[in-house]
Amino acid sequence: MSLNFWRGLRPRTRNILLVGGGLALLVIALASFALYELGRADIFNSGQDDVDQARLEQLTGIKLPAGASGLRSHVESWQDTIVHLRFELTSAELPAWVAGQAWTTSPAAGPLAYPFVTPPEWIGRNGGWWQPQQASSFQLGSMGGAGIYQHVLIDTSDPARALVYIVSFDT
């Protein structure tokens, strides 16, 4: 009966149905491929831990200092990208790094503020490296430009080294 239905259609209607069906399949195939590639990159919804330094510099626009150690990160991306980044510097290297940044608000002492007050939801599964709220001596500042906004906390609780926490996001 379905063959009789098909034969009963006008040739133009059949052509429209064939072309429309083909376009629908093409759109589904392209969308499936795009979602597959995003999922393969593992920065789709679930986030990615410990992204390599070159990718972090590309995402944040921040050149990490040569003396940085203990680099840790968490990146989440969907419509916007948010990067949580932490690295250590010796106290001797810290002033040069601070002087080389384009601050919108220079680092200064102050109360713990957004986004460092409340730990993000992924904190429980990342080994506990994101702990800016435990700093007893710190400075807060902000950087940014070209659609990227960054909040910085510099933990100077240990006189020998500084922990630099950065939350960078685009919008």
N, C-alpha and C. Protein backbone atom coordinates (compact mmCIF):
# COMPACT_ATOMS: atom_id res chain seq x y z
N MET A 1 0.81 -1.19 0.00
CA MET A 1 0.00 0.00 0.00
C MET A 1 0.87 1.26 0.00
N SER A 2 2.04 1.25 0.65
CA SER A 2 2.88 2.43 0.67
C SER A 2 3.45 2.74 -0.71
N LEU A 3 3.72 1.69 -1.51
CA LEU A 3 4.20 1.90 -2.87
C LEU A 3 3.12 2.59 -3.70
N ASN A 4 1.86 2.20 -3.51
CA ASN A 4 0.76 2.86 -4.23
C ASN A 4 0.65 4.32 -3.81
N PHE A 5 0.89 4.58 -2.53
CA PHE A 5 0.86 5.96 -2.06
C PHE A 5 1.93 6.78 -2.78
N TRP A 6 3.14 6.24 -2.85
CA TRP A 6 4.25 6.93 -3.49
C TRP A 6 3.96 7.19 -4.96
N ARG A 7 3.42 6.18 -5.63
CA ARG A 7 3.10 6.34 -7.05
C ARG A 7 1.97 7.32 -7.28
N GLY A 8 1.13 7.50 -6.27
CA GLY A 8 0.00 8.41 -6.40
C GLY A 8 0.39 9.87 -6.23
N LEU A 9 1.60 10.13 -5.77
CA LEU A 9 2.04 11.51 -5.59
C LEU A 9 2.47 12.12 -6.92
N ARG A 10 2.32 13.41 -7.01
CA ARG A 10 2.79 14.11 -8.19
C ARG A 10 4.31 14.06 -8.24
N PRO A 11 4.92 14.08 -9.40
CA PRO A 11 6.39 14.04 -9.50
C PRO A 11 7.07 15.16 -8.72
N ARG A 12 6.50 16.35 -8.75
CA ARG A 12 7.10 17.47 -8.02
C ARG A 12 7.07 17.21 -6.51
N THR A 13 5.97 16.69 -6.00
CA THR A 13 5.85 16.38 -4.57
C THR A 13 6.86 15.31 -4.19
N ARG A 14 7.04 14.30 -5.03
CA ARG A 14 8.03 13.25 -4.76
C ARG A 14 9.43 13.85 -4.69
N ASN A 15 9.76 14.73 -5.62
CA ASN A 15 11.09 15.36 -5.62
C ASN A 15 11.32 16.20 -4.36
N ILE A 16 10.31 16.93 -3.94
CA ILE A 16 10.43 17.74 -2.73
C ILE A 16 10.66 16.84 -1.51
N LEU A 17 9.93 15.75 -1.43
CA LEU A 17 10.11 14.82 -0.31
C LEU A 17 11.50 14.19 -0.33
N LEU A 18 11.99 13.83 -1.50
CA LEU A 18 13.32 13.22 -1.59
C LEU A 18 14.42 14.21 -1.20
N VAL A 19 14.35 15.43 -1.73
CA VAL A 19 15.36 16.44 -1.42
C VAL A 19 15.28 16.82 0.06
N GLY A 20 14.09 17.02 0.58
CA GLY A 20 13.92 17.36 2.00
C GLY A 20 14.44 16.26 2.90
N GLY A 21 14.14 15.03 2.58
CA GLY A 21 14.64 13.90 3.37
C GLY A 21 16.15 13.82 3.33
N GLY A 22 16.73 14.04 2.16
CA GLY A 22 18.18 14.02 2.02
C GLY A 22 18.83 15.12 2.83
N LEU A 23 18.26 16.33 2.81
CA LEU A 23 18.79 17.44 3.60
C LEU A 23 18.67 17.16 5.10
N ALA A 24 17.57 16.58 5.51
CA ALA A 24 17.39 16.24 6.92
C ALA A 24 18.46 15.23 7.36
N LEU A 25 18.74 14.23 6.54
CA LEU A 25 19.78 13.26 6.88
C LEU A 25 21.15 13.92 6.94
N LEU A 26 21.42 14.83 6.04
CA LEU A 26 22.70 15.54 6.03
C LEU A 26 22.87 16.37 7.31
N VAL A 27 21.84 17.08 7.72
CA VAL A 27 21.89 17.88 8.94
C VAL A 27 22.12 16.99 10.16
N ILE A 28 21.44 15.86 10.23
CA ILE A 28 21.61 14.93 11.35
C ILE A 28 23.03 14.39 11.37
N ALA A 29 23.57 14.05 10.21
CA ALA A 29 24.93 13.52 10.14
C ALA A 29 25.95 14.58 10.59
N LEU A 30 25.80 15.82 10.13
CA LEU A 30 26.73 16.88 10.53
C LEU A 30 26.63 17.19 12.03
N ALA A 31 25.42 17.23 12.56
CA ALA A 31 25.24 17.48 13.99
C ALA A 31 25.84 16.34 14.81
N SER A 32 25.66 15.13 14.38
CA SER A 32 26.23 13.97 15.08
C SER A 32 27.75 14.03 15.08
N PHE A 33 28.33 14.39 13.94
CA PHE A 33 29.79 14.50 13.85
C PHE A 33 30.31 15.60 14.78
N ALA A 34 29.63 16.75 14.79
CA ALA A 34 30.06 17.86 15.65
C ALA A 34 29.99 17.46 17.12
N LEU A 35 28.92 16.81 17.53
CA LEU A 35 28.79 16.37 18.93
C LEU A 35 29.83 15.31 19.26
N TYR A 36 30.12 14.44 18.33
CA TYR A 36 31.15 13.42 18.54
C TYR A 36 32.51 14.08 18.77
N GLU A 37 32.84 15.07 17.94
CA GLU A 37 34.14 15.75 18.06
C GLU A 37 34.22 16.51 19.38
N LEU A 38 33.14 17.17 19.79
CA LEU A 38 33.15 17.88 21.06
C LEU A 38 33.32 16.91 22.22
N GLY A 39 32.64 15.79 22.16
CA GLY A 39 32.76 14.78 23.20
C GLY A 39 34.15 14.17 23.24
N ARG A 40 34.75 14.01 22.07
CA ARG A 40 36.09 13.43 21.99
C ARG A 40 37.12 14.37 22.60
N ALA A 41 36.89 15.67 22.50
CA ALA A 41 37.80 16.65 23.08
C ALA A 41 37.70 16.66 24.61
N ASP A 42 36.64 16.09 25.14
CA ASP A 42 36.41 15.97 26.58
C ASP A 42 36.41 17.32 27.29
N ILE A 43 35.96 18.35 26.60
CA ILE A 43 35.73 19.63 27.27
C ILE A 43 34.26 19.98 27.04
N PHE A 44 33.41 18.99 27.05
CA PHE A 44 31.99 19.16 26.76
C PHE A 44 31.21 18.76 28.00
N ASN A 45 30.67 19.73 28.69
CA ASN A 45 29.89 19.54 29.91
C ASN A 45 30.70 19.01 31.09
N SER A 46 31.32 17.85 30.98
CA SER A 46 31.95 17.22 32.14
C SER A 46 33.23 17.93 32.55
N GLY A 47 33.87 18.66 31.69
CA GLY A 47 35.09 19.35 32.03
C GLY A 47 36.32 18.49 31.81
N GLN A 48 37.45 19.13 31.86
CA GLN A 48 38.72 18.44 31.68
C GLN A 48 39.71 18.97 32.69
N ASP A 49 40.39 18.05 33.37
CA ASP A 49 41.40 18.42 34.37
C ASP A 49 42.79 18.40 33.76
N ASP A 50 43.65 19.25 34.30
CA ASP A 50 45.07 19.28 33.95
C ASP A 50 45.33 19.38 32.45
N VAL A 51 44.81 20.44 31.88
CA VAL A 51 45.02 20.77 30.47
C VAL A 51 46.47 21.23 30.32
N ASP A 52 47.08 20.95 29.17
CA ASP A 52 48.49 21.31 28.99
C ASP A 52 48.68 22.83 28.96
N GLN A 53 49.90 23.27 29.27
CA GLN A 53 50.21 24.68 29.43
C GLN A 53 49.91 25.50 28.18
N ALA A 54 50.26 24.99 27.01
CA ALA A 54 50.02 25.75 25.78
C ALA A 54 48.53 26.02 25.58
N ARG A 55 47.69 25.04 25.85
CA ARG A 55 46.24 25.20 25.70
C ARG A 55 45.70 26.18 26.73
N LEU A 56 46.23 26.12 27.96
CA LEU A 56 45.80 27.07 29.00
C LEU A 56 46.15 28.50 28.61
N GLU A 57 47.34 28.70 28.07
CA GLU A 57 47.75 30.03 27.64
C GLU A 57 46.87 30.52 26.50
N GLN A 58 46.48 29.62 25.61
CA GLN A 58 45.59 29.98 24.51
C GLN A 58 44.20 30.36 25.03
N LEU A 59 43.67 29.60 25.97
CA LEU A 59 42.33 29.85 26.50
C LEU A 59 42.27 31.12 27.35
N THR A 60 43.33 31.40 28.11
CA THR A 60 43.29 32.53 29.05
C THR A 60 43.98 33.78 28.54
N GLY A 61 44.90 33.64 27.59
CA GLY A 61 45.67 34.78 27.13
C GLY A 61 46.78 35.16 28.11
N ILE A 62 47.02 34.33 29.11
CA ILE A 62 48.05 34.59 30.12
C ILE A 62 49.28 33.75 29.80
N LYS A 63 50.43 34.39 29.70
CA LYS A 63 51.69 33.68 29.53
C LYS A 63 52.16 33.25 30.90
N LEU A 64 52.22 31.94 31.11
CA LEU A 64 52.64 31.43 32.41
C LEU A 64 54.15 31.59 32.55
N PRO A 65 54.61 31.97 33.73
CA PRO A 65 56.05 32.20 33.92
C PRO A 65 56.85 30.91 33.81
N ALA A 66 58.09 31.04 33.37
CA ALA A 66 58.97 29.88 33.20
C ALA A 66 59.20 29.15 34.51
N GLY A 67 59.21 29.87 35.61
CA GLY A 67 59.46 29.26 36.91
C GLY A 67 58.24 28.65 37.57
N ALA A 68 57.10 28.69 36.88
CA ALA A 68 55.86 28.14 37.47
C ALA A 68 56.00 26.64 37.66
N SER A 69 55.52 26.16 38.80
CA SER A 69 55.50 24.72 39.06
C SER A 69 54.14 24.36 39.64
N GLY A 70 53.89 23.07 39.76
CA GLY A 70 52.63 22.61 40.35
C GLY A 70 51.41 23.05 39.56
N LEU A 71 51.54 23.15 38.25
CA LEU A 71 50.44 23.62 37.40
C LEU A 71 49.26 22.66 37.47
N ARG A 72 48.10 23.17 37.83
CA ARG A 72 46.86 22.39 37.86
C ARG A 72 45.77 23.23 37.20
N SER A 73 44.82 22.54 36.59
CA SER A 73 43.75 23.28 35.92
C SER A 73 42.50 22.43 35.80
N HIS A 74 41.39 23.13 35.59
CA HIS A 74 40.12 22.51 35.27
C HIS A 74 39.43 23.43 34.27
N VAL A 75 39.02 22.87 33.12
CA VAL A 75 38.39 23.66 32.06
C VAL A 75 37.01 23.09 31.77
N GLU A 76 36.03 23.98 31.71
CA GLU A 76 34.69 23.59 31.29
C GLU A 76 34.28 24.54 30.17
N SER A 77 33.59 23.97 29.20
CA SER A 77 33.20 24.78 28.06
C SER A 77 31.89 24.28 27.49
N TRP A 78 31.03 25.20 27.18
CA TRP A 78 29.82 24.91 26.42
C TRP A 78 29.61 26.13 25.55
N GLN A 79 28.86 27.11 26.00
CA GLN A 79 28.76 28.34 25.25
C GLN A 79 29.89 29.29 25.62
N ASP A 80 30.25 29.29 26.88
CA ASP A 80 31.37 30.06 27.38
C ASP A 80 32.41 29.07 27.91
N THR A 81 33.62 29.53 28.08
CA THR A 81 34.68 28.68 28.64
C THR A 81 35.12 29.27 29.96
N ILE A 82 35.23 28.42 30.98
CA ILE A 82 35.74 28.84 32.29
C ILE A 82 36.94 27.97 32.63
N VAL A 83 38.00 28.63 33.04
CA VAL A 83 39.25 27.94 33.37
C VAL A 83 39.59 28.25 34.83
N HIS A 84 39.77 27.21 35.63
CA HIS A 84 40.32 27.34 36.97
C HIS A 84 41.77 26.88 36.87
N LEU A 85 42.68 27.73 37.28
CA LEU A 85 44.10 27.49 37.07
C LEU A 85 44.85 27.82 38.36
N ARG A 86 45.82 26.95 38.71
CA ARG A 86 46.66 27.23 39.87
C ARG A 86 48.10 26.87 39.52
N PHE A 87 49.02 27.71 39.95
CA PHE A 87 50.44 27.39 39.82
C PHE A 87 51.19 28.01 40.98
N GLU A 88 52.42 27.54 41.19
CA GLU A 88 53.27 28.02 42.27
C GLU A 88 54.45 28.80 41.69
N LEU A 89 54.86 29.82 42.42
CA LEU A 89 56.06 30.60 42.08
C LEU A 89 56.86 30.80 43.37
N THR A 90 58.17 30.91 43.23
CA THR A 90 58.96 31.28 44.40
C THR A 90 58.63 32.73 44.72
N SER A 91 58.81 33.10 45.97
CA SER A 91 58.52 34.48 46.37
C SER A 91 59.39 35.48 45.61
N ALA A 92 60.59 35.05 45.20
CA ALA A 92 61.47 35.93 44.44
C ALA A 92 60.95 36.18 43.02
N GLU A 93 60.25 35.20 42.43
CA GLU A 93 59.73 35.33 41.06
C GLU A 93 58.40 36.07 40.99
N LEU A 94 57.69 36.11 42.10
CA LEU A 94 56.34 36.69 42.10
C LEU A 94 56.30 38.15 41.67
N PRO A 95 57.15 39.05 42.17
CA PRO A 95 57.05 40.46 41.76
C PRO A 95 57.19 40.67 40.25
N ALA A 96 58.06 39.93 39.59
CA ALA A 96 58.23 40.08 38.14
C ALA A 96 56.97 39.62 37.41
N TRP A 97 56.37 38.53 37.87
CA TRP A 97 55.14 38.05 37.22
C TRP A 97 54.02 39.08 37.40
N VAL A 98 53.86 39.59 38.62
CA VAL A 98 52.81 40.57 38.89
C VAL A 98 53.02 41.82 38.03
N ALA A 99 54.26 42.29 37.93
CA ALA A 99 54.56 43.50 37.15
C ALA A 99 54.30 43.30 35.66
N GLY A 100 54.38 42.08 35.18
CA GLY A 100 54.20 41.80 33.75
C GLY A 100 52.76 41.58 33.31
N GLN A 101 51.81 41.69 34.23
CA GLN A 101 50.41 41.44 33.88
C GLN A 101 49.66 42.74 33.58
N ALA A 102 48.62 42.64 32.77
CA ALA A 102 47.76 43.79 32.45
C ALA A 102 46.58 43.78 33.42
N TRP A 103 46.76 44.38 34.57
CA TRP A 103 45.75 44.36 35.61
C TRP A 103 44.65 45.38 35.33
N THR A 104 43.41 45.00 35.51
CA THR A 104 42.31 45.97 35.50
C THR A 104 42.08 46.46 36.93
N THR A 105 42.37 45.60 37.90
CA THR A 105 42.39 45.96 39.31
C THR A 105 43.65 45.34 39.89
N SER A 106 44.60 46.16 40.31
CA SER A 106 45.87 45.65 40.84
C SER A 106 45.64 44.81 42.09
N PRO A 107 46.49 43.81 42.30
CA PRO A 107 46.35 42.97 43.49
C PRO A 107 46.47 43.79 44.77
N ALA A 108 45.55 43.55 45.68
CA ALA A 108 45.55 44.25 46.96
C ALA A 108 44.91 43.34 48.01
N ALA A 109 45.25 43.59 49.26
CA ALA A 109 44.65 42.84 50.35
C ALA A 109 43.16 43.19 50.43
N GLY A 110 42.39 42.26 50.82
CA GLY A 110 40.95 42.48 50.96
C GLY A 110 40.28 41.20 51.42
N PRO A 111 38.98 41.27 51.63
CA PRO A 111 38.27 40.07 52.04
C PRO A 111 38.16 39.07 50.89
N LEU A 112 38.08 37.80 51.23
CA LEU A 112 37.90 36.76 50.23
C LEU A 112 36.60 37.04 49.48
N ALA A 113 36.66 37.03 48.16
CA ALA A 113 35.50 37.42 47.37
C ALA A 113 35.27 36.43 46.23
N TYR A 114 34.14 36.63 45.53
CA TYR A 114 33.81 35.83 44.36
C TYR A 114 34.99 35.86 43.40
N PRO A 115 35.31 34.78 42.78
CA PRO A 115 34.75 33.43 42.79
C PRO A 115 35.51 32.48 43.70
N PHE A 116 36.22 33.02 44.68
CA PHE A 116 37.07 32.19 45.53
C PHE A 116 36.42 31.76 46.83
N VAL A 117 35.26 32.30 47.14
CA VAL A 117 34.59 32.01 48.41
C VAL A 117 34.01 30.60 48.42
N THR A 118 33.28 30.24 47.40
CA THR A 118 32.60 28.95 47.34
C THR A 118 33.32 28.03 46.37
N PRO A 119 33.69 26.83 46.83
CA PRO A 119 34.35 25.89 45.91
C PRO A 119 33.41 25.46 44.78
N PRO A 120 33.94 25.31 43.58
CA PRO A 120 33.10 24.83 42.47
C PRO A 120 32.68 23.37 42.68
N GLU A 121 31.66 22.95 41.94
CA GLU A 121 31.09 21.61 42.13
C GLU A 121 32.06 20.48 41.80
N TRP A 122 33.05 20.71 40.99
CA TRP A 122 33.99 19.66 40.60
C TRP A 122 35.11 19.45 41.62
N ILE A 123 35.16 20.27 42.65
CA ILE A 123 36.27 20.24 43.60
C ILE A 123 36.45 18.88 44.27
N GLY A 124 35.39 18.15 44.53
CA GLY A 124 35.49 16.88 45.22
C GLY A 124 36.18 15.79 44.44
N ARG A 125 36.23 15.90 43.13
CA ARG A 125 36.81 14.83 42.33
C ARG A 125 38.17 15.18 41.72
N ASN A 126 38.78 16.28 42.14
CA ASN A 126 40.02 16.70 41.49
C ASN A 126 41.26 16.63 42.37
N GLY A 127 41.19 15.96 43.48
CA GLY A 127 42.38 15.80 44.31
C GLY A 127 42.62 16.92 45.31
N GLY A 128 41.72 17.89 45.39
CA GLY A 128 41.81 18.92 46.40
C GLY A 128 42.84 20.02 46.16
N TRP A 129 43.26 20.23 44.93
CA TRP A 129 44.27 21.26 44.67
C TRP A 129 43.68 22.67 44.64
N TRP A 130 42.37 22.82 44.43
CA TRP A 130 41.75 24.16 44.37
C TRP A 130 41.29 24.52 45.78
N GLN A 131 42.13 25.28 46.51
CA GLN A 131 41.82 25.63 47.89
C GLN A 131 42.15 27.09 48.21
N PRO A 132 41.72 28.04 47.39
CA PRO A 132 42.05 29.44 47.68
C PRO A 132 41.44 29.93 49.00
N GLN A 133 40.34 29.33 49.42
CA GLN A 133 39.70 29.76 50.65
C GLN A 133 40.52 29.43 51.90
N GLN A 134 41.59 28.64 51.76
CA GLN A 134 42.45 28.31 52.89
C GLN A 134 43.62 29.30 53.06
N ALA A 135 43.74 30.25 52.17
CA ALA A 135 44.83 31.22 52.25
C ALA A 135 44.64 32.12 53.48
N SER A 136 45.69 32.28 54.26
CA SER A 136 45.62 33.16 55.43
C SER A 136 46.17 34.55 55.12
N SER A 137 46.97 34.65 54.08
CA SER A 137 47.52 35.93 53.63
C SER A 137 47.45 35.94 52.10
N PHE A 138 46.74 36.91 51.53
CA PHE A 138 46.54 36.89 50.08
C PHE A 138 46.21 38.28 49.57
N GLN A 139 46.29 38.39 48.24
CA GLN A 139 45.88 39.59 47.53
C GLN A 139 44.92 39.17 46.43
N LEU A 140 43.98 40.04 46.11
CA LEU A 140 43.02 39.80 45.03
C LEU A 140 43.20 40.86 43.96
N GLY A 141 43.05 40.45 42.72
CA GLY A 141 43.12 41.39 41.61
C GLY A 141 42.30 40.86 40.45
N SER A 142 42.24 41.64 39.38
CA SER A 142 41.53 41.18 38.18
C SER A 142 42.29 41.64 36.95
N MET A 143 42.15 40.83 35.91
CA MET A 143 42.78 41.11 34.62
C MET A 143 41.74 40.84 33.55
N GLY A 144 42.11 41.12 32.33
CA GLY A 144 41.21 40.79 31.23
C GLY A 144 41.41 41.69 30.04
N GLY A 145 40.64 41.36 29.04
CA GLY A 145 40.67 42.12 27.81
C GLY A 145 40.20 41.25 26.67
N ALA A 146 39.67 41.85 25.63
CA ALA A 146 39.20 41.15 24.44
C ALA A 146 38.22 40.03 24.78
N GLY A 147 37.25 40.32 25.67
CA GLY A 147 36.21 39.36 25.99
C GLY A 147 36.61 38.29 26.99
N ILE A 148 37.77 38.41 27.61
CA ILE A 148 38.21 37.46 28.63
C ILE A 148 38.32 38.20 29.96
N TYR A 149 37.75 37.61 31.00
CA TYR A 149 37.75 38.21 32.33
C TYR A 149 38.42 37.25 33.30
N GLN A 150 39.29 37.79 34.17
CA GLN A 150 40.03 36.95 35.08
C GLN A 150 40.04 37.53 36.49
N HIS A 151 39.78 36.64 37.44
CA HIS A 151 39.91 36.96 38.85
C HIS A 151 41.15 36.23 39.34
N VAL A 152 41.99 36.92 40.11
CA VAL A 152 43.26 36.35 40.56
C VAL A 152 43.35 36.47 42.07
N LEU A 153 43.76 35.36 42.69
CA LEU A 153 44.07 35.36 44.11
C LEU A 153 45.51 34.89 44.24
N ILE A 154 46.34 35.69 44.91
CA ILE A 154 47.74 35.35 45.13
C ILE A 154 47.90 35.02 46.61
N ASP A 155 48.09 33.75 46.89
CA ASP A 155 48.24 33.26 48.26
C ASP A 155 49.70 33.38 48.68
N THR A 156 49.97 34.27 49.64
CA THR A 156 51.33 34.49 50.12
C THR A 156 51.48 34.00 51.57
N SER A 157 50.69 33.01 51.94
CA SER A 157 50.74 32.47 53.31
C SER A 157 52.09 31.86 53.63
N ASP A 158 52.73 31.25 52.65
CA ASP A 158 54.06 30.65 52.81
C ASP A 158 55.09 31.67 52.33
N PRO A 159 56.01 32.13 53.19
CA PRO A 159 56.97 33.15 52.77
C PRO A 159 57.91 32.70 51.64
N ALA A 160 58.08 31.40 51.45
CA ALA A 160 59.02 30.89 50.44
C ALA A 160 58.39 30.78 49.05
N ARG A 161 57.06 30.64 48.99
CA ARG A 161 56.42 30.46 47.69
C ARG A 161 55.03 31.08 47.70
N ALA A 162 54.58 31.39 46.51
CA ALA A 162 53.23 31.94 46.36
C ALA A 162 52.42 30.97 45.50
N LEU A 163 51.17 30.81 45.86
CA LEU A 163 50.22 30.06 45.03
C LEU A 163 49.36 31.08 44.31
N VAL A 164 49.28 30.96 43.00
CA VAL A 164 48.49 31.88 42.19
C VAL A 164 47.27 31.11 41.68
N TYR A 165 46.09 31.59 42.06
CA TYR A 165 44.82 31.00 41.62
C TYR A 165 44.19 31.97 40.62
N ILE A 166 43.76 31.45 39.48
CA ILE A 166 43.13 32.29 38.47
C ILE A 166 41.84 31.63 38.01
N VAL A 167 40.78 32.41 37.94
CA VAL A 167 39.53 31.98 37.33
C VAL A 167 39.36 32.86 36.10
N SER A 168 39.40 32.25 34.93
CA SER A 168 39.32 32.98 33.67
C SER A 168 38.10 32.51 32.91
N PHE A 169 37.33 33.46 32.38
CA PHE A 169 36.17 33.08 31.59
C PHE A 169 35.97 34.06 30.46
N ASP A 170 35.38 33.53 29.40
CA ASP A 170 35.03 34.41 28.28
C ASP A 170 33.52 34.48 28.21
N THR A 171 33.06 35.48 27.52
CA THR A 171 31.62 35.62 27.38
C THR A 171 31.29 36.35 26.09
